[in-house]
């Protein structure tokens, strides 16, 4: 029978249908201009040369030995780092999720510390540790293992230095994915295998590891791409024969020499192939487990012998992983080169470099710039994260999977690719800008003012973190609360603001913290897009300081420590809100 209470429901239904398109419009426009357009521009500049379709630059990459060396070296780094992080992360994840022992929660937290600092910052200090006459060689000389005149060249050409620093920085990403995968393995399957007489090692090899392959490959593909396209670490260690560095070197010629675009296209295609192979391999296999909701992760009390093994393994990995941070802190406290030369540790210490960081005209503005850029990029990511996650979880929209895939694309897209695309596609001579007023062009062309693109690039690159955090919260929040609100006459927008968002406040805060913290120390976008010193963020200022022959590395290290403490505080706060779900943020 008709009732007056039916009217608000019918009205709400009609308003929802029309509001979907109003919400989709800014999302589509944003992704079209700041993600799709730069990528299309890159491909156009790579294949359309002199008004004609051409593969000449790709032929050059194949036929030129130097170009092939770039690809080969980048692949070697990606594969080596992926293998190394695997050997580090698997035992860590297994020990810390399957055994109960005193101090486990503390160890679970401290092993994530290496993620708080970009490896290129640690490279500055690690040169003091592993240089020809650095701390390690001086220690080995003192105990008589090597001769002073014949020091060990630990990093060689720089390749192994890049691999080491990337491994120490990226293994937490692999660890978080492996832990999430292990928690989804049904313990009854392992127990059934043991009841059939299988040893613990055989159960791990034949049951546990195969079932956690999807999570492992999710982490492995991210580690490979991040290592394959790493820019900062090879720059600091002068290992220039990699794709990312060559792309960086060609930024100033972006609109003159299409070779840079061809390299970017190659990077995009190779990362896409890597994703496809990973998805194809895991997609053809079945990993579903029955009754997963009724069982818990399998844990046993560690014996005294196993505790000793765990403490040695986990403690040893942590100490090695913490070396870059120690080296940066010591470098930041060293007065000058004469005080840390031919010695294991600095001969004296001073806080003067920190005074410089907060007083000098080249350093303090960069901290303020990074705080400004990161704040606004977080707000931008928050707006689009709420819009997209709300549409994906609450509305029936066309091309839902495509929107989700495009929103998550930046997580798999190399930073150097998108940043290089911005440099080329937002020049004042391109189709998008050449007909716009000069006032608008001057705010979008990074050669004139990179602020807008830095904020947007940070937001685009870290939007997946915000999206997945809010999306998870909305999935766990019943829609009946919103329906009840709308039945009482509230509009969908008011229901979202008053009911839904407060219920997922922890997820919003956690996602915002992650976006802000990683934007503060973003490397590729900062190095490529910041073309004027007055707009430099922290990482570009660190890079510029590290290139100064006298005293620059010490102030750069002090800036790195400041950034490290900011990011540490952010990740601790995010962990308090997300808890064990922190690893879900790093899933593609």
Protein backbone atom coordinates (compact mmCIF):
# COMPACT_ATOMS: atom_id res chain seq x y z
CA UNK A 1 0.00 0.00 0.00
CA UNK A 2 1.40 3.46 -0.84
CA UNK A 3 2.83 5.33 2.11
CA UNK A 4 4.40 8.71 2.67
CA UNK A 5 7.59 6.90 3.77
CA UNK A 6 8.06 5.52 0.26
CA UNK A 7 8.65 8.96 -1.22
CA UNK A 8 12.12 9.64 0.22
CA UNK A 9 13.27 6.21 -0.91
CA UNK A 10 12.07 6.78 -4.47
CA UNK A 11 13.57 10.25 -4.52
CA UNK A 12 16.86 8.92 -3.21
CA UNK A 13 16.94 6.27 -5.91
CA UNK A 14 16.43 8.85 -8.66
CA UNK A 15 19.07 11.19 -7.20
CA UNK A 16 21.57 8.36 -6.92
CA UNK A 17 21.21 7.49 -10.60
CA UNK A 18 21.95 11.03 -11.69
CA UNK A 19 24.68 11.60 -9.11
CA UNK A 20 26.74 8.68 -10.39
CA UNK A 21 27.55 10.52 -13.58
CA UNK A 22 28.28 13.74 -11.70
CA UNK A 23 30.78 11.85 -9.55
CA UNK A 24 32.28 10.04 -12.51
CA UNK A 25 32.89 13.23 -14.48
CA UNK A 26 35.72 14.70 -12.33
CA UNK A 27 37.28 11.24 -11.96
CA UNK A 28 37.32 10.62 -15.70
CA UNK A 29 38.57 14.15 -16.38
CA UNK A 30 41.35 13.87 -13.79
CA UNK A 31 42.65 10.53 -15.05
CA UNK A 32 42.33 11.60 -18.67
CA UNK A 33 44.41 14.76 -18.23
CA UNK A 34 46.96 13.62 -15.66
CA UNK A 35 47.39 9.91 -16.43
CA UNK A 36 46.09 8.88 -19.84
CA UNK A 37 47.12 12.03 -21.71
CA UNK A 38 50.81 11.97 -20.59
CA UNK A 39 51.06 8.26 -21.45
CA UNK A 40 49.49 8.77 -24.88
CA UNK A 41 51.83 11.71 -25.46
CA UNK A 42 54.82 9.53 -24.65
CA UNK A 43 53.73 6.88 -27.13
CA UNK A 44 52.97 9.51 -29.78
CA UNK A 45 56.41 11.10 -29.46
CA UNK A 46 58.06 7.67 -29.57
CA UNK A 47 56.35 6.34 -32.68
CA UNK A 48 55.34 9.49 -34.61
CA UNK A 49 58.53 11.19 -35.77
CA UNK A 50 58.60 13.98 -38.33
CA UNK A 51 54.92 13.51 -39.07
CA UNK A 52 55.30 9.82 -39.91
CA UNK A 53 55.05 6.55 -38.03
CA UNK A 54 58.55 5.25 -37.28
CA UNK A 55 60.27 2.57 -35.24
CA UNK A 56 63.72 4.01 -35.79
CA UNK A 57 64.46 4.77 -32.13
CA UNK A 58 63.35 1.31 -31.03
CA UNK A 59 65.53 -0.20 -33.72
CA UNK A 60 68.39 1.87 -32.32
CA UNK A 61 67.75 0.47 -28.85
CA UNK A 62 67.98 -3.07 -30.26
CA UNK A 63 70.99 -2.52 -32.52
CA UNK A 64 73.02 -0.15 -30.37
CA UNK A 65 75.23 -1.94 -27.86
CA UNK A 66 75.08 0.88 -25.30
CA UNK A 67 71.29 0.93 -25.37
CA UNK A 68 71.13 -2.85 -24.93
CA UNK A 69 73.50 -2.54 -21.99
CA UNK A 70 71.07 -0.14 -20.28
CA UNK A 71 68.25 -2.66 -20.56
CA UNK A 72 70.45 -5.57 -19.51
CA UNK A 73 71.83 -3.78 -16.44
CA UNK A 74 68.37 -2.65 -15.33
CA UNK A 75 67.05 -6.20 -15.71
CA UNK A 76 70.00 -7.58 -13.75
CA UNK A 77 69.31 -5.17 -10.91
CA UNK A 78 65.58 -5.98 -10.87
CA UNK A 79 66.14 -9.74 -10.89
CA UNK A 80 68.99 -9.65 -8.35
CA UNK A 81 66.99 -7.49 -5.93
CA UNK A 82 63.89 -9.68 -6.31
CA UNK A 83 65.89 -12.83 -5.56
CA UNK A 84 67.67 -11.19 -2.63
CA UNK A 85 64.46 -9.86 -1.07
CA UNK A 86 62.93 -13.32 -1.46
CA UNK A 87 65.71 -14.97 0.52
CA UNK A 88 65.43 -12.28 3.18
CA UNK A 89 61.65 -12.07 3.44
CA UNK A 90 60.57 -15.73 3.38
CA UNK A 91 62.34 -16.78 6.59
CA UNK A 92 61.35 -13.52 8.28
CA UNK A 93 57.69 -13.97 7.43
CA UNK A 94 57.67 -17.65 8.40
CA UNK A 95 59.41 -17.14 11.74
CA UNK A 96 57.37 -14.10 12.74
CA UNK A 97 53.95 -15.51 11.80
CA UNK A 98 54.26 -19.21 12.70
CA UNK A 99 56.12 -19.06 16.02
CA UNK A 100 55.25 -17.43 19.33
CA UNK A 101 58.18 -16.15 21.37
CA UNK A 102 59.04 -13.20 23.61
CA UNK A 103 59.61 -9.96 21.69
CA UNK A 104 57.81 -11.07 18.52
CA UNK A 105 55.66 -7.95 18.23
CA UNK A 106 58.72 -5.74 18.66
CA UNK A 107 60.62 -7.58 15.95
CA UNK A 108 57.60 -7.38 13.63
CA UNK A 109 57.79 -3.61 13.93
CA UNK A 110 61.54 -2.98 13.75
CA UNK A 111 62.11 -5.04 10.60
CA UNK A 112 59.91 -2.57 8.71
CA UNK A 113 62.18 0.36 9.61
CA UNK A 114 64.29 0.20 6.39
CA UNK A 115 61.28 1.29 4.33
CA UNK A 116 61.31 4.73 5.94
CA UNK A 117 64.20 6.06 3.89
CA UNK A 118 64.79 6.10 0.13
CA UNK A 119 67.88 4.05 -0.70
CA UNK A 120 69.52 6.96 -2.49
CA UNK A 121 69.74 8.80 0.85
CA UNK A 122 71.35 5.75 2.46
CA UNK A 123 73.79 5.56 -0.46
CA UNK A 124 75.39 8.80 0.71
CA UNK A 125 76.29 7.31 4.07
CA UNK A 126 77.05 3.80 2.80
CA UNK A 127 79.89 5.21 0.72
CA UNK A 128 81.51 6.11 4.03
CA UNK A 129 81.06 2.56 5.28
CA UNK A 130 81.98 0.58 2.16
CA UNK A 131 84.35 2.93 0.34
CA UNK A 132 87.90 1.81 -0.43
CA UNK A 133 89.08 3.38 2.80
CA UNK A 134 85.74 3.36 4.58
CA UNK A 135 84.76 1.94 7.93
CA UNK A 136 84.50 -1.71 6.89
CA UNK A 137 87.94 -1.88 5.25
CA UNK A 138 89.52 0.06 8.10
CA UNK A 139 88.03 -2.40 10.59
CA UNK A 140 89.28 -5.39 8.59
CA UNK A 141 92.69 -3.75 8.40
CA UNK A 142 92.82 -3.26 12.17
CA UNK A 143 92.06 -6.89 12.89
CA UNK A 144 94.61 -8.00 10.28
CA UNK A 145 92.33 -9.61 7.69
CA UNK A 146 93.39 -7.31 4.82
CA UNK A 147 96.32 -5.04 4.02
CA UNK A 148 95.86 -1.26 4.11
CA UNK A 149 97.33 -0.93 0.62
CA UNK A 150 94.93 -3.55 -0.78
CA UNK A 151 91.41 -2.57 0.31
CA UNK A 152 88.36 -4.48 -0.89
CA UNK A 153 86.27 -2.77 -3.54
CA UNK A 154 82.90 -3.74 -2.08
CA UNK A 155 80.67 -1.97 -4.58
CA UNK A 156 82.90 -2.39 -7.62
CA UNK A 157 81.35 -0.52 -10.53
CA UNK A 158 78.34 0.29 -8.35
CA UNK A 159 76.10 -2.61 -9.40
CA UNK A 160 76.29 -4.52 -6.13
CA UNK A 161 75.93 -1.33 -4.16
CA UNK A 162 72.66 -0.60 -5.94
CA UNK A 163 71.48 -4.19 -5.36
CA UNK A 164 72.38 -4.10 -1.67
CA UNK A 165 70.71 -0.76 -0.95
CA UNK A 166 67.61 -1.63 -2.98
CA UNK A 167 67.31 -4.98 -1.19
CA UNK A 168 67.61 -3.41 2.24
CA UNK A 169 64.96 -0.84 1.30
CA UNK A 170 62.47 -3.09 -0.51
CA UNK A 171 62.43 -6.33 1.49
CA UNK A 172 59.67 -4.95 3.81
CA UNK A 173 57.37 -4.71 0.76
CA UNK A 174 58.01 -8.37 -0.01
CA UNK A 175 57.69 -9.28 3.67
CA UNK A 176 54.30 -7.58 4.06
CA UNK A 177 52.88 -9.39 1.03
CA UNK A 178 54.26 -12.76 2.14
CA UNK A 179 52.86 -12.29 5.66
CA UNK A 180 49.43 -11.47 4.22
CA UNK A 181 49.64 -14.58 2.01
CA UNK A 182 50.71 -16.82 4.90
CA UNK A 183 47.79 -15.63 6.99
CA UNK A 184 45.41 -16.85 4.26
CA UNK A 185 46.80 -20.40 4.20
CA UNK A 186 44.36 -22.83 5.78
CA UNK A 187 46.12 -24.49 8.71
CA UNK A 188 44.02 -27.66 8.29
CA UNK A 189 45.74 -28.36 4.95
CA UNK A 190 49.16 -28.24 6.60
CA UNK A 191 47.99 -30.40 9.47
CA UNK A 192 46.53 -32.93 7.04
CA UNK A 193 49.89 -33.16 5.24
CA UNK A 194 51.71 -33.72 8.54
CA UNK A 195 49.20 -36.38 9.53
CA UNK A 196 50.11 -38.17 6.30
CA UNK A 197 53.75 -38.28 7.46
CA UNK A 198 55.22 -35.22 5.73
CA UNK A 199 57.98 -33.38 7.55
CA UNK A 200 57.67 -29.68 8.41
CA UNK A 201 60.10 -28.78 5.60
CA UNK A 202 58.17 -30.85 3.06
CA UNK A 203 54.88 -29.28 4.17
CA UNK A 204 56.43 -25.85 3.68
CA UNK A 205 57.70 -26.79 0.22
CA UNK A 206 54.69 -28.70 -1.11
CA UNK A 207 51.71 -27.11 0.67
CA UNK A 208 52.43 -23.75 2.29
CA UNK A 209 54.58 -22.08 -0.36
CA UNK A 210 52.40 -23.11 -3.35
CA UNK A 211 49.30 -21.74 -1.60
CA UNK A 212 50.97 -18.40 -0.86
CA UNK A 213 52.25 -17.89 -4.42
CA UNK A 214 49.71 -15.16 -5.32
CA UNK A 215 50.85 -13.01 -2.40
CA UNK A 216 54.49 -13.74 -3.11
CA UNK A 217 54.19 -12.76 -6.76
CA UNK A 218 52.33 -9.58 -5.81
CA UNK A 219 55.30 -8.55 -3.70
CA UNK A 220 57.90 -9.85 -6.17
CA UNK A 221 56.49 -7.88 -9.10
CA UNK A 222 56.43 -4.66 -7.09
CA UNK A 223 60.00 -5.20 -5.89
CA UNK A 224 61.18 -5.96 -9.43
CA UNK A 225 59.57 -2.85 -10.91
CA UNK A 226 60.82 -0.55 -8.15
CA UNK A 227 64.35 -1.91 -8.48
CA UNK A 228 64.21 -1.97 -12.29
CA UNK A 229 63.22 1.71 -12.45
CA UNK A 230 65.11 3.04 -9.42
CA UNK A 231 66.66 6.41 -10.19
CA UNK A 232 68.19 7.84 -7.03
CA UNK A 233 70.51 5.04 -5.92
CA UNK A 234 72.32 4.59 -9.27
CA UNK A 235 72.72 8.37 -9.47
CA UNK A 236 74.38 8.61 -6.06
CA UNK A 237 76.64 5.59 -6.70
CA UNK A 238 77.52 6.83 -10.22
CA UNK A 239 76.15 3.68 -11.81
CA UNK A 240 74.79 5.46 -14.87
CA UNK A 241 74.39 2.52 -17.28
CA UNK A 242 70.71 1.92 -16.42
CA UNK A 243 67.51 3.03 -18.13
CA UNK A 244 66.21 5.29 -15.35
CA UNK A 245 69.40 7.37 -15.19
CA UNK A 246 69.51 7.82 -18.96
CA UNK A 247 65.89 8.98 -18.94
CA UNK A 248 66.78 11.48 -16.23
CA UNK A 249 69.74 12.73 -18.25
CA UNK A 250 67.48 13.41 -21.23
CA UNK A 251 64.81 15.43 -19.40
CA UNK A 252 66.18 18.75 -20.68
CA UNK A 253 65.91 17.44 -24.27
CA UNK A 254 62.42 16.00 -23.83
CA UNK A 255 60.88 18.06 -26.63
CA UNK A 256 63.92 17.83 -28.92
CA UNK A 257 65.21 14.27 -28.74
CA UNK A 258 62.55 11.49 -28.90
CA UNK A 259 65.05 8.91 -27.63
CA UNK A 260 63.99 9.64 -24.06
CA UNK A 261 60.37 8.87 -24.92
CA UNK A 262 61.41 5.62 -26.58
CA UNK A 263 63.20 4.56 -23.40
CA UNK A 264 60.14 5.43 -21.32
CA UNK A 265 57.91 3.37 -23.64
CA UNK A 266 60.36 0.48 -23.31
CA UNK A 267 60.19 0.69 -19.52
CA UNK A 268 56.37 0.76 -19.58
CA UNK A 269 56.17 -2.21 -21.93
CA UNK A 270 58.67 -4.27 -19.94
CA UNK A 271 56.87 -3.62 -16.65
CA UNK A 272 53.53 -4.44 -18.31
CA UNK A 273 54.97 -7.72 -19.59
CA UNK A 274 56.27 -8.53 -16.12
CA UNK A 275 52.80 -7.95 -14.66
CA UNK A 276 51.17 -10.02 -17.38
CA UNK A 277 53.51 -12.95 -16.86
CA UNK A 278 52.95 -12.83 -13.10
CA UNK A 279 49.17 -12.66 -13.42
CA UNK A 280 49.11 -15.32 -16.13
CA UNK A 281 51.21 -17.70 -14.03
CA UNK A 282 49.12 -17.32 -10.89
CA UNK A 283 45.82 -16.92 -12.75
CA UNK A 284 46.02 -20.38 -14.32
CA UNK A 285 46.25 -22.05 -10.91
CA UNK A 286 43.65 -22.55 -8.21
CA UNK A 287 44.47 -21.33 -4.71
CA UNK A 288 41.01 -21.25 -3.14
CA UNK A 289 40.70 -22.85 0.29
CA UNK A 290 37.56 -24.17 1.90
CA UNK A 291 36.50 -22.97 5.29
CA UNK A 292 39.03 -20.16 5.46
CA UNK A 293 36.68 -18.07 7.57
CA UNK A 294 36.54 -20.71 10.31
CA UNK A 295 40.26 -21.29 10.87
CA UNK A 296 43.12 -19.22 12.18
CA UNK A 297 46.75 -18.85 11.28
CA UNK A 298 48.81 -21.78 12.50
CA UNK A 299 51.19 -20.83 15.31
CA UNK A 300 53.35 -22.89 17.64
CA UNK A 301 55.36 -22.00 20.69
CA UNK A 302 59.02 -21.69 19.74
CA UNK A 303 61.45 -23.95 21.61
CA UNK A 304 64.60 -22.49 23.14
CA UNK A 305 66.68 -23.69 20.18
CA UNK A 306 64.21 -22.21 17.68
CA UNK A 307 64.13 -18.93 19.62
CA UNK A 308 67.90 -18.70 19.33
CA UNK A 309 67.71 -19.33 15.58
CA UNK A 310 64.98 -16.71 15.16
CA UNK A 311 66.83 -14.09 17.19
CA UNK A 312 70.03 -14.68 15.22
CA UNK A 313 68.35 -14.60 11.80
CA UNK A 314 65.98 -11.71 12.43
CA UNK A 315 68.50 -9.73 14.45
CA UNK A 316 71.22 -10.22 11.85
CA UNK A 317 68.96 -9.08 9.01
CA UNK A 318 67.84 -6.06 11.01
CA UNK A 319 71.40 -5.00 11.83
CA UNK A 320 72.44 -5.23 8.18
CA UNK A 321 69.28 -3.45 7.01
CA UNK A 322 69.87 -0.68 9.53
CA UNK A 323 73.40 0.03 8.29
CA UNK A 324 72.32 2.70 5.78
CA UNK A 325 70.46 4.56 8.51
CA UNK A 326 73.39 4.36 10.90
CA UNK A 327 75.76 5.53 8.19
CA UNK A 328 73.57 8.51 7.31
CA UNK A 329 73.23 9.54 10.97
CA UNK A 330 77.01 9.28 11.53
CA UNK A 331 77.72 11.21 8.33
CA UNK A 332 75.31 13.95 9.38
CA UNK A 333 77.19 14.32 12.69
CA UNK A 334 80.69 14.37 11.15
CA UNK A 335 82.23 17.88 11.05
CA UNK A 336 84.07 17.39 7.75
CA UNK A 337 86.00 14.88 5.64
CA UNK A 338 89.14 15.16 7.78
CA UNK A 339 87.26 13.82 10.81
CA UNK A 340 86.22 10.57 9.13
CA UNK A 341 89.16 9.55 7.02
CA UNK A 342 91.08 6.27 7.39
CA UNK A 343 89.10 5.45 10.55
CA UNK A 344 86.29 3.11 11.52
CA UNK A 345 84.13 5.86 13.02
CA UNK A 346 84.24 9.67 12.96
CA UNK A 347 86.88 11.14 15.21
CA UNK A 348 84.54 13.90 16.43
CA UNK A 349 80.89 14.87 16.19
CA UNK A 350 78.93 18.09 15.69
CA UNK A 351 75.26 19.12 15.25
CA UNK A 352 76.18 22.06 12.99
CA UNK A 353 74.83 20.39 9.84
CA UNK A 354 71.37 20.23 11.41
CA UNK A 355 71.64 23.93 12.21
CA UNK A 356 72.39 24.48 8.54
CA UNK A 357 69.36 22.42 7.49
CA UNK A 358 66.99 24.66 9.46
CA UNK A 359 68.67 27.99 8.70
CA UNK A 360 70.22 27.91 5.21
CA UNK A 361 68.38 29.36 2.23
CA UNK A 362 68.99 26.21 0.17
CA UNK A 363 67.67 23.73 2.73
CA UNK A 364 64.91 25.18 4.92
CA UNK A 365 62.73 26.22 1.95
CA UNK A 366 62.91 22.67 0.56
CA UNK A 367 61.47 21.29 3.81
CA UNK A 368 58.67 23.85 3.68
CA UNK A 369 58.08 23.01 0.01
CA UNK A 370 57.84 19.30 0.72
CA UNK A 371 55.40 19.89 3.57
CA UNK A 372 53.28 22.05 1.27
CA UNK A 373 53.36 19.65 -1.68
CA UNK A 374 52.69 16.60 0.47
CA UNK A 375 49.78 18.24 2.29
CA UNK A 376 47.97 19.28 -0.87
CA UNK A 377 48.72 16.01 -2.65
CA UNK A 378 47.22 14.16 0.33
CA UNK A 379 44.07 16.29 0.14
CA UNK A 380 43.81 15.65 -3.60
CA UNK A 381 44.32 11.91 -3.17
CA UNK A 382 41.79 11.93 -0.32
CA UNK A 383 39.08 13.52 -2.46
CA UNK A 384 39.52 11.12 -5.35
CA UNK A 385 40.10 8.15 -3.05
CA UNK A 386 36.73 8.74 -1.37
CA UNK A 387 34.91 9.31 -4.67
CA UNK A 388 36.33 6.23 -6.40
CA UNK A 389 36.03 3.85 -3.45
CA UNK A 390 32.45 5.02 -2.81
CA UNK A 391 31.46 4.39 -6.42
CA UNK A 392 33.20 1.01 -6.49
CA UNK A 393 31.59 -0.28 -3.30
CA UNK A 394 28.22 1.47 -3.22
CA UNK A 395 27.10 2.07 -6.81
CA UNK A 396 26.50 0.08 -9.95
CA UNK A 397 28.54 1.93 -12.52
CA UNK A 398 29.63 1.07 -16.05
CA UNK A 399 33.22 -0.08 -16.54
CA UNK A 400 33.74 -0.53 -12.78
CA UNK A 401 36.71 -2.86 -13.24
CA UNK A 402 38.33 -0.49 -15.74
CA UNK A 403 38.07 2.46 -13.33
CA UNK A 404 39.57 0.37 -10.55
CA UNK A 405 42.41 -0.78 -12.82
CA UNK A 406 43.20 2.76 -14.00
CA UNK A 407 43.19 4.05 -10.42
CA UNK A 408 45.63 1.30 -9.39
CA UNK A 409 47.80 1.70 -12.50
CA UNK A 410 50.20 4.26 -10.92
CA UNK A 411 51.30 1.63 -8.41
CA UNK A 412 52.71 -0.42 -11.28
CA UNK A 413 53.76 2.55 -13.41
CA UNK A 414 57.42 3.58 -12.95
CA UNK A 415 57.81 7.05 -11.48
CA UNK A 416 60.37 8.08 -14.09
CA UNK A 417 57.87 7.25 -16.85
CA UNK A 418 55.05 9.41 -15.54
CA UNK A 419 57.34 12.29 -14.54
CA UNK A 420 59.03 12.30 -17.94
CA UNK A 421 55.60 12.27 -19.57
CA UNK A 422 54.61 15.34 -17.56
CA UNK A 423 57.73 17.21 -18.65
CA UNK A 424 56.96 16.59 -22.31
CA UNK A 425 53.16 16.77 -22.39
CA UNK A 426 52.79 19.90 -20.24
CA UNK A 427 55.19 22.09 -22.20
CA UNK A 428 53.80 25.41 -23.47
CA UNK A 429 54.09 24.16 -27.08
CA UNK A 430 51.95 21.03 -26.68
CA UNK A 431 48.37 20.63 -27.81
CA UNK A 432 46.94 20.85 -24.29
CA UNK A 433 48.65 24.12 -23.30
CA UNK A 434 49.44 26.13 -26.40
CA UNK A 435 45.93 27.58 -26.70
CA UNK A 436 45.50 28.32 -22.98
CA UNK A 437 46.15 31.76 -21.40
CA UNK A 438 49.73 32.42 -20.30
CA UNK A 439 48.63 32.65 -16.67
CA UNK A 440 47.45 29.02 -16.73
CA UNK A 441 50.39 27.78 -18.80
CA UNK A 442 52.85 29.30 -16.35
CA UNK A 443 51.28 27.24 -13.56
CA UNK A 444 51.34 23.93 -15.44
CA UNK A 445 54.62 24.03 -17.36
CA UNK A 446 57.23 22.54 -14.98
CA UNK A 447 59.96 24.61 -16.65
CA UNK A 448 58.27 27.73 -15.32
CA UNK A 449 56.59 26.53 -12.13
CA UNK A 450 56.49 22.84 -11.14
CA UNK A 451 54.35 23.22 -8.01
CA UNK A 452 51.05 22.10 -9.57
CA UNK A 453 52.53 19.09 -11.34
CA UNK A 454 54.55 18.05 -8.29
CA UNK A 455 51.39 18.03 -6.18
CA UNK A 456 49.40 16.21 -8.85
CA UNK A 457 52.16 13.67 -9.57
CA UNK A 458 52.52 12.88 -5.86
CA UNK A 459 48.75 12.42 -5.60
CA UNK A 460 48.50 10.24 -8.71
CA UNK A 461 51.44 8.04 -7.70
CA UNK A 462 50.14 7.46 -4.15
CA UNK A 463 46.41 7.41 -4.88
CA UNK A 464 46.38 3.56 -4.83
CA UNK A 465 47.41 3.62 -1.15
CA UNK A 466 44.52 5.92 -0.29
CA UNK A 467 42.06 4.04 -2.48
CA UNK A 468 42.85 0.60 -1.10
CA UNK A 469 42.74 1.84 2.48
CA UNK A 470 39.31 3.49 2.12
CA UNK A 471 38.01 0.69 -0.12
CA UNK A 472 38.81 -1.89 2.55
CA UNK A 473 36.98 0.17 5.16
CA UNK A 474 33.87 0.59 3.03
CA UNK A 475 33.80 -3.13 2.26
CA UNK A 476 33.73 -3.87 5.98
CA UNK A 477 31.00 -1.29 6.68
CA UNK A 478 27.43 -2.43 6.14
CA UNK A 479 25.40 -0.43 3.64
CA UNK A 480 22.33 -0.75 5.86
CA UNK A 481 23.46 2.27 7.90
CA UNK A 482 23.30 4.47 4.81
CA UNK A 483 19.99 2.95 3.72
CA UNK A 484 18.50 3.67 7.14
CA UNK A 485 19.69 7.26 6.95
CA UNK A 486 18.21 7.73 3.48
CA UNK A 487 14.93 6.17 4.59
CA UNK A 488 14.72 8.94 7.18
CA UNK A 489 15.09 11.54 4.42
CA UNK A 490 18.85 12.22 4.31
CA UNK A 491 20.45 12.65 0.90
CA UNK A 492 23.13 10.19 -0.23
CA UNK A 493 25.77 12.91 0.18
CA UNK A 494 24.64 13.67 3.75
CA UNK A 495 24.53 9.97 4.59
CA UNK A 496 28.07 9.57 3.28
CA UNK A 497 29.32 12.57 5.25
CA UNK A 498 27.46 11.90 8.50
CA UNK A 499 27.34 8.10 8.61
CA UNK A 500 29.80 6.32 6.32
CA UNK A 501 32.96 8.43 6.50
CA UNK A 502 33.06 8.54 10.32
CA UNK A 503 32.82 4.73 10.33
CA UNK A 504 35.90 4.43 8.09
CA UNK A 505 37.80 7.32 9.70
CA UNK A 506 40.67 5.04 10.73
CA UNK A 507 41.16 3.89 7.13
CA UNK A 508 41.02 7.47 5.86
CA UNK A 509 43.59 8.61 8.38
CA UNK A 510 45.89 5.67 7.65
CA UNK A 511 45.69 6.22 3.89
CA UNK A 512 46.31 9.94 4.32
CA UNK A 513 49.35 9.32 6.48
CA UNK A 514 50.83 6.92 3.91
CA UNK A 515 50.24 9.32 1.01
CA UNK A 516 51.74 12.22 2.95
CA UNK A 517 54.77 10.31 4.19
CA UNK A 518 55.75 8.76 0.87
CA UNK A 519 55.17 12.09 -0.91
CA UNK A 520 57.61 13.74 1.48
CA UNK A 521 60.48 11.58 0.22
CA UNK A 522 59.37 10.89 -3.36
CA UNK A 523 62.47 10.63 -5.55
CA UNK A 524 61.74 10.27 -9.28
CA UNK A 525 59.02 12.92 -9.55
CA UNK A 526 61.02 15.36 -7.46
CA UNK A 527 64.30 14.96 -9.35
CA UNK A 528 62.68 15.21 -12.78
CA UNK A 529 59.91 17.78 -12.33
CA UNK A 530 61.64 20.27 -10.03
CA UNK A 531 63.62 22.35 -12.52
CA UNK A 532 64.09 25.52 -10.45
CA UNK A 533 65.88 25.62 -7.11
CA UNK A 534 63.29 27.78 -5.35
CA UNK A 535 60.70 25.02 -5.84
CA UNK A 536 62.91 22.10 -4.79
CA UNK A 537 61.42 19.51 -2.40
CA UNK A 538 63.59 17.69 0.13
CA UNK A 539 64.83 14.94 -2.16
CA UNK A 540 65.90 17.33 -4.93
CA UNK A 541 67.73 19.45 -2.35
CA UNK A 542 69.48 16.32 -1.03
CA UNK A 543 70.56 15.42 -4.55
CA UNK A 544 71.89 18.92 -5.24
CA UNK A 545 73.77 18.97 -1.94
CA UNK A 546 75.28 15.54 -2.54
CA UNK A 547 76.85 16.85 -5.75
CA UNK A 548 78.76 19.60 -3.94
CA UNK A 549 82.41 18.57 -3.68
CA UNK A 550 82.99 20.20 -0.29
CA UNK A 551 80.69 19.49 2.67
CA UNK A 552 77.55 18.81 0.65
CA UNK A 553 77.21 15.16 1.62
CA UNK A 554 77.14 16.02 5.34
CA UNK A 555 74.29 18.52 5.06
CA UNK A 556 72.49 16.17 2.65
CA UNK A 557 72.73 13.39 5.25
CA UNK A 558 71.31 15.70 7.91
CA UNK A 559 68.37 16.45 5.62
CA UNK A 560 67.93 12.73 5.05
CA UNK A 561 67.76 12.13 8.81
CA UNK A 562 65.12 14.85 9.17
CA UNK A 563 63.05 13.24 6.43
CA UNK A 564 63.61 9.84 8.00
CA UNK A 565 62.17 10.98 11.33
CA UNK A 566 59.14 12.54 9.63
CA UNK A 567 58.43 9.34 7.71
CA UNK A 568 59.01 7.19 10.80
CA UNK A 569 56.38 9.13 12.74
CA UNK A 570 53.95 8.82 9.83
CA UNK A 571 54.37 5.06 9.44
CA UNK A 572 54.04 4.46 13.18
CA UNK A 573 50.80 6.42 13.12
CA UNK A 574 49.54 4.51 10.06
CA UNK A 575 50.43 1.20 11.72
CA UNK A 576 48.39 2.11 14.79
CA UNK A 577 45.33 2.64 12.62
CA UNK A 578 45.78 -0.26 10.19
CA UNK A 579 47.59 -2.79 12.37
CA UNK A 580 48.28 -6.05 10.54
CA UNK A 581 46.41 -4.74 7.48
CA UNK A 582 49.28 -2.39 6.60
CA UNK A 583 50.53 -4.89 4.02
CA UNK A 584 47.27 -4.64 2.06
CA UNK A 585 48.27 -1.12 1.02
CA UNK A 586 51.14 -2.51 -1.08
CA UNK A 587 49.03 -4.89 -3.17
CA UNK A 588 48.35 -4.31 -6.85
